[in-house]
């Protein structure tokens, strides 16, 4: 994955920073309770901040901490720009040969997920770092095939909900 993506981290916001309105923010804990593979609507806010890490749209985010290795091996795509990305979030900016939704689905499922579960470190709190994500081996079909796979899975997820 390191050959076809760039990596960074979110910056520190916590539940104590939340307010009723303001700048949309994604906190890593909400990735377990609220968000699915594609994040279109953000319902948590903080005071406007120009120093945070803002989404550009299309980033794949992976929590940096969780309760178990299985839980932490999940990814979501932030579709909108201008969303603050809170601390303890690993950010992957896919290169031009990768569809963001396909990448998030690949990280969250199959062999790539198994690979990340093995790399997650810790006992009561498990951690996953960008250095772990960079080592993921990914089979990349054509961009058109990635898009078709992503749309097919999205239809299935929509039908289940």
C-alpha atoms as a PDB file:
ATOM      1  CA  UNK A   1       0.000   0.000   0.000  1.00  0.00           C
ATOM      2  CA  UNK A   2       2.952   2.282   0.649  1.00  0.00           C
ATOM      3  CA  UNK A   3       3.759   2.249  -3.091  1.00  0.00           C
ATOM      4  CA  UNK A   4       0.362   3.647  -4.123  1.00  0.00           C
ATOM      5  CA  UNK A   5      -0.735   5.894  -1.230  1.00  0.00           C
ATOM      6  CA  UNK A   6       0.324   8.694   1.104  1.00  0.00           C
ATOM      7  CA  UNK A   7      -0.164   8.490   4.859  1.00  0.00           C
ATOM      8  CA  UNK A   8      -0.763  10.988   7.662  1.00  0.00           C
ATOM      9  CA  UNK A   9      -2.510  11.302  11.044  1.00  0.00           C
ATOM     10  CA  UNK A  10      -5.477  13.271  12.319  1.00  0.00           C
ATOM     11  CA  UNK A  11      -5.009  15.820  15.089  1.00  0.00           C
ATOM     12  CA  UNK A  12      -6.305  15.893  18.630  1.00  0.00           C
ATOM     13  CA  UNK A  13      -9.929  16.503  19.371  1.00  0.00           C
ATOM     14  CA  UNK A  14     -11.825  14.649  22.060  1.00  0.00           C
ATOM     15  CA  UNK A  15     -15.432  14.139  23.120  1.00  0.00           C
ATOM     16  CA  UNK A  16     -14.971  17.077  25.504  1.00  0.00           C
ATOM     17  CA  UNK A  17     -14.477  19.402  22.500  1.00  0.00           C
ATOM     18  CA  UNK A  18     -17.857  18.550  20.944  1.00  0.00           C
ATOM     19  CA  UNK A  19     -20.626  21.125  20.615  1.00  0.00           C
ATOM     20  CA  UNK A  20     -24.039  21.384  18.940  1.00  0.00           C
ATOM     21  CA  UNK A  21     -22.757  23.163  15.837  1.00  0.00           C
ATOM     22  CA  UNK A  22     -19.564  24.431  14.264  1.00  0.00           C
ATOM     23  CA  UNK A  23     -16.894  22.662  12.236  1.00  0.00           C
ATOM     24  CA  UNK A  24     -17.739  19.013  11.373  1.00  0.00           C
ATOM     25  CA  UNK A  25     -15.290  16.578  12.981  1.00  0.00           C
ATOM     26  CA  UNK A  26     -14.813  12.817  12.913  1.00  0.00           C
ATOM     27  CA  UNK A  27     -13.562  11.254  16.139  1.00  0.00           C
ATOM     28  CA  UNK A  28     -12.125   7.747  15.923  1.00  0.00           C
ATOM     29  CA  UNK A  29     -14.640   6.319  18.424  1.00  0.00           C
ATOM     30  CA  UNK A  30     -17.545   7.207  16.127  1.00  0.00           C
ATOM     31  CA  UNK A  31     -16.052   4.943  13.475  1.00  0.00           C
ATOM     32  CA  UNK A  32     -17.191   2.042  15.663  1.00  0.00           C
ATOM     33  CA  UNK A  33     -20.643   3.341  16.513  1.00  0.00           C
ATOM     34  CA  UNK A  34     -21.884   5.581  13.718  1.00  0.00           C
ATOM     35  CA  UNK A  35     -20.030   5.328  10.427  1.00  0.00           C
ATOM     36  CA  UNK A  36     -20.026   2.678   7.729  1.00  0.00           C
ATOM     37  CA  UNK A  37     -17.696   2.265   4.737  1.00  0.00           C
ATOM     38  CA  UNK A  38     -18.643   5.625   3.210  1.00  0.00           C
ATOM     39  CA  UNK A  39     -18.988   8.722   5.409  1.00  0.00           C
ATOM     40  CA  UNK A  40     -21.182  11.317   3.703  1.00  0.00           C
ATOM     41  CA  UNK A  41     -22.791  13.035   6.693  1.00  0.00           C
ATOM     42  CA  UNK A  42     -20.951  14.031   9.858  1.00  0.00           C
ATOM     43  CA  UNK A  43     -23.054  14.791  12.928  1.00  0.00           C
ATOM     44  CA  UNK A  44     -20.406  15.880  15.433  1.00  0.00           C
ATOM     45  CA  UNK A  45     -18.989  19.389  15.610  1.00  0.00           C
ATOM     46  CA  UNK A  46     -16.279  21.431  17.335  1.00  0.00           C
ATOM     47  CA  UNK A  47     -15.490  25.123  17.505  1.00  0.00           C
ATOM     48  CA  UNK A  48     -14.063  26.328  14.189  1.00  0.00           C
ATOM     49  CA  UNK A  49     -10.356  25.533  14.068  1.00  0.00           C
ATOM     50  CA  UNK A  50      -7.884  26.395  11.330  1.00  0.00           C
ATOM     51  CA  UNK A  51      -5.060  24.314  12.810  1.00  0.00           C
ATOM     52  CA  UNK A  52      -6.645  20.869  12.516  1.00  0.00           C
ATOM     53  CA  UNK A  53      -6.274  18.271   9.784  1.00  0.00           C
ATOM     54  CA  UNK A  54      -9.035  18.769   7.203  1.00  0.00           C
ATOM     55  CA  UNK A  55     -10.286  16.212   4.705  1.00  0.00           C
ATOM     56  CA  UNK A  56      -9.906  17.010   1.039  1.00  0.00           C
ATOM     57  CA  UNK A  57     -12.495  14.371   0.105  1.00  0.00           C
ATOM     58  CA  UNK A  58     -11.645  10.801  -0.828  1.00  0.00           C
ATOM     59  CA  UNK A  59      -9.377   9.978   2.112  1.00  0.00           C
ATOM     60  CA  UNK A  60      -9.585   6.549   3.664  1.00  0.00           C
ATOM     61  CA  UNK A  61      -9.446   6.669   7.448  1.00  0.00           C
ATOM     62  CA  UNK A  62      -8.594   3.852   9.850  1.00  0.00           C
ATOM     63  CA  UNK A  63      -8.836   4.103  13.647  1.00  0.00           C
ATOM     64  CA  UNK A  64      -5.519   4.059  15.482  1.00  0.00           C
ATOM     65  CA  UNK A  65      -6.939   2.525  18.684  1.00  0.00           C
ATOM     66  CA  UNK A  66      -9.660   0.095  19.611  1.00  0.00           C
ATOM     67  CA  UNK A  67     -10.772  -2.623  21.986  1.00  0.00           C
ATOM     68  CA  UNK A  68      -9.763  -5.559  19.797  1.00  0.00           C
ATOM     69  CA  UNK A  69      -7.643  -6.297  16.754  1.00  0.00           C
ATOM     70  CA  UNK A  70     -10.760  -7.314  14.844  1.00  0.00           C
ATOM     71  CA  UNK A  71     -12.555  -4.048  15.618  1.00  0.00           C
ATOM     72  CA  UNK A  72      -9.645  -1.832  14.694  1.00  0.00           C
ATOM     73  CA  UNK A  73      -9.193  -3.380  11.250  1.00  0.00           C
ATOM     74  CA  UNK A  74     -11.854  -1.234   9.593  1.00  0.00           C
ATOM     75  CA  UNK A  75     -11.741   1.638   7.168  1.00  0.00           C
ATOM     76  CA  UNK A  76     -14.080   4.361   5.918  1.00  0.00           C
ATOM     77  CA  UNK A  77     -13.984   6.903   3.101  1.00  0.00           C
ATOM     78  CA  UNK A  78     -14.578  10.571   3.921  1.00  0.00           C
ATOM     79  CA  UNK A  79     -16.371  11.856   0.831  1.00  0.00           C
ATOM     80  CA  UNK A  80     -16.606  15.553   1.736  1.00  0.00           C
ATOM     81  CA  UNK A  81     -13.841  18.099   2.019  1.00  0.00           C
ATOM     82  CA  UNK A  82     -13.555  20.397   5.014  1.00  0.00           C
ATOM     83  CA  UNK A  83     -14.201  17.794   7.715  1.00  0.00           C
ATOM     84  CA  UNK A  84     -11.756  17.830  10.628  1.00  0.00           C
ATOM     85  CA  UNK A  85     -10.109  14.477  11.230  1.00  0.00           C
ATOM     86  CA  UNK A  86      -9.551  13.938  14.930  1.00  0.00           C
ATOM     87  CA  UNK A  87      -6.631  12.404  16.728  1.00  0.00           C
ATOM     88  CA  UNK A  88      -5.911   8.705  16.667  1.00  0.00           C
ATOM     89  CA  UNK A  89      -7.070   8.418  13.065  1.00  0.00           C
ATOM     90  CA  UNK A  90      -4.726   7.059  10.402  1.00  0.00           C
ATOM     91  CA  UNK A  91      -5.307   8.830   7.076  1.00  0.00           C
ATOM     92  CA  UNK A  92      -4.600   7.205   3.715  1.00  0.00           C
ATOM     93  CA  UNK A  93      -4.629   9.308   0.570  1.00  0.00           C
ATOM     94  CA  UNK A  94      -4.995   6.815  -2.288  1.00  0.00           C
ATOM     95  CA  UNK A  95      -2.981   7.362  -5.424  1.00  0.00           C
ATOM     96  CA  UNK A  96      -4.590   7.756  -8.841  1.00  0.00           C
ATOM     97  CA  UNK A  97      -4.716   3.998  -9.438  1.00  0.00           C
ATOM     98  CA  UNK A  98      -6.925   3.380  -6.385  1.00  0.00           C
ATOM     99  CA  UNK A  99     -10.640   3.925  -5.870  1.00  0.00           C
ATOM    100  CA  UNK A 100     -11.158   5.102  -2.271  1.00  0.00           C
ATOM    101  CA  UNK A 101     -14.212   2.946  -1.622  1.00  0.00           C
ATOM    102  CA  UNK A 102     -12.449  -0.131  -2.995  1.00  0.00           C
ATOM    103  CA  UNK A 103      -9.473   0.567  -0.742  1.00  0.00           C
ATOM    104  CA  UNK A 104     -11.677   0.950   2.353  1.00  0.00           C
ATOM    105  CA  UNK A 105     -13.509  -2.284   1.534  1.00  0.00           C
ATOM    106  CA  UNK A 106     -10.206  -4.091   0.905  1.00  0.00           C
ATOM    107  CA  UNK A 107      -8.732  -2.993   4.243  1.00  0.00           C
ATOM    108  CA  UNK A 108     -11.901  -3.950   6.134  1.00  0.00           C
ATOM    109  CA  UNK A 109     -12.340  -7.405   4.604  1.00  0.00           C
ATOM    110  CA  UNK A 110     -10.556 -10.513   3.433  1.00  0.00           C
ATOM    111  CA  UNK A 111      -6.830 -11.099   3.455  1.00  0.00           C
ATOM    112  CA  UNK A 112      -5.910  -7.462   4.126  1.00  0.00           C
ATOM    113  CA  UNK A 113      -8.049  -7.433   7.273  1.00  0.00           C
ATOM    114  CA  UNK A 114      -6.405 -10.658   8.484  1.00  0.00           C
ATOM    115  CA  UNK A 115      -3.024  -9.070   7.849  1.00  0.00           C
ATOM    116  CA  UNK A 116      -3.907  -6.003   9.941  1.00  0.00           C
ATOM    117  CA  UNK A 117      -5.379  -8.086  12.762  1.00  0.00           C
ATOM    118  CA  UNK A 118      -1.976  -9.784  13.058  1.00  0.00           C
ATOM    119  CA  UNK A 119      -0.162  -6.428  13.146  1.00  0.00           C
ATOM    120  CA  UNK A 120      -2.406  -4.747  15.727  1.00  0.00           C
ATOM    121  CA  UNK A 121      -0.522  -4.339  19.014  1.00  0.00           C
ATOM    122  CA  UNK A 122      -1.701  -4.276  22.610  1.00  0.00           C
ATOM    123  CA  UNK A 123      -3.938  -6.120  25.065  1.00  0.00           C
ATOM    124  CA  UNK A 124      -6.622  -3.989  26.733  1.00  0.00           C
ATOM    125  CA  UNK A 125      -6.249  -1.255  24.106  1.00  0.00           C
ATOM    126  CA  UNK A 126      -5.081  -2.272  20.646  1.00  0.00           C
ATOM    127  CA  UNK A 127      -3.147   0.082  18.358  1.00  0.00           C
ATOM    128  CA  UNK A 128      -2.699   0.198  14.603  1.00  0.00           C
ATOM    129  CA  UNK A 129      -0.196   2.604  13.038  1.00  0.00           C
ATOM    130  CA  UNK A 130       0.351   3.960   9.547  1.00  0.00           C
ATOM    131  CA  UNK A 131       3.544   1.897   9.437  1.00  0.00           C
ATOM    132  CA  UNK A 132       1.302  -1.202   9.750  1.00  0.00           C
ATOM    133  CA  UNK A 133      -1.002   0.013   6.984  1.00  0.00           C
ATOM    134  CA  UNK A 134       1.916   0.808   4.685  1.00  0.00           C
ATOM    135  CA  UNK A 135       2.904  -2.872   4.666  1.00  0.00           C
ATOM    136  CA  UNK A 136      -0.504  -4.125   3.497  1.00  0.00           C
ATOM    137  CA  UNK A 137      -0.230  -6.139   0.289  1.00  0.00           C
ATOM    138  CA  UNK A 138      -3.084  -5.216  -1.993  1.00  0.00           C
ATOM    139  CA  UNK A 139      -4.218  -6.818  -5.247  1.00  0.00           C
ATOM    140  CA  UNK A 140      -5.365  -3.973  -7.450  1.00  0.00           C
ATOM    141  CA  UNK A 141      -7.718  -4.672 -10.369  1.00  0.00           C
ATOM    142  CA  UNK A 142      -8.353  -1.999 -12.980  1.00  0.00           C
ATOM    143  CA  UNK A 143      -9.882   1.241 -11.729  1.00  0.00           C
ATOM    144  CA  UNK A 144     -13.119   0.452 -13.583  1.00  0.00           C
ATOM    145  CA  UNK A 145     -13.291  -2.978 -11.902  1.00  0.00           C
ATOM    146  CA  UNK A 146     -12.627  -1.372  -8.491  1.00  0.00           C
ATOM    147  CA  UNK A 147     -15.524   1.024  -9.075  1.00  0.00           C
ATOM    148  CA  UNK A 148     -17.859  -1.817 -10.107  1.00  0.00           C
ATOM    149  CA  UNK A 149     -16.941  -3.876  -7.032  1.00  0.00           C
ATOM    150  CA  UNK A 150     -17.483  -0.870  -4.756  1.00  0.00           C
ATOM    151  CA  UNK A 151     -20.889  -0.044  -6.268  1.00  0.00           C
ATOM    152  CA  UNK A 152     -21.987  -3.683  -6.006  1.00  0.00           C
ATOM    153  CA  UNK A 153     -21.060  -3.857  -2.307  1.00  0.00           C
ATOM    154  CA  UNK A 154     -22.764  -0.484  -1.704  1.00  0.00           C
ATOM    155  CA  UNK A 155     -26.003  -1.854  -3.193  1.00  0.00           C
ATOM    156  CA  UNK A 156     -25.802  -4.888  -0.902  1.00  0.00           C
ATOM    157  CA  UNK A 157     -25.141  -2.702   2.179  1.00  0.00           C
ATOM    158  CA  UNK A 158     -28.070  -0.435   1.232  1.00  0.00           C
ATOM    159  CA  UNK A 159     -30.373  -3.453   0.815  1.00  0.00           C
ATOM    160  CA  UNK A 160     -29.392  -4.787   4.258  1.00  0.00           C
ATOM    161  CA  UNK A 161     -30.125  -1.471   6.010  1.00  0.00           C
END
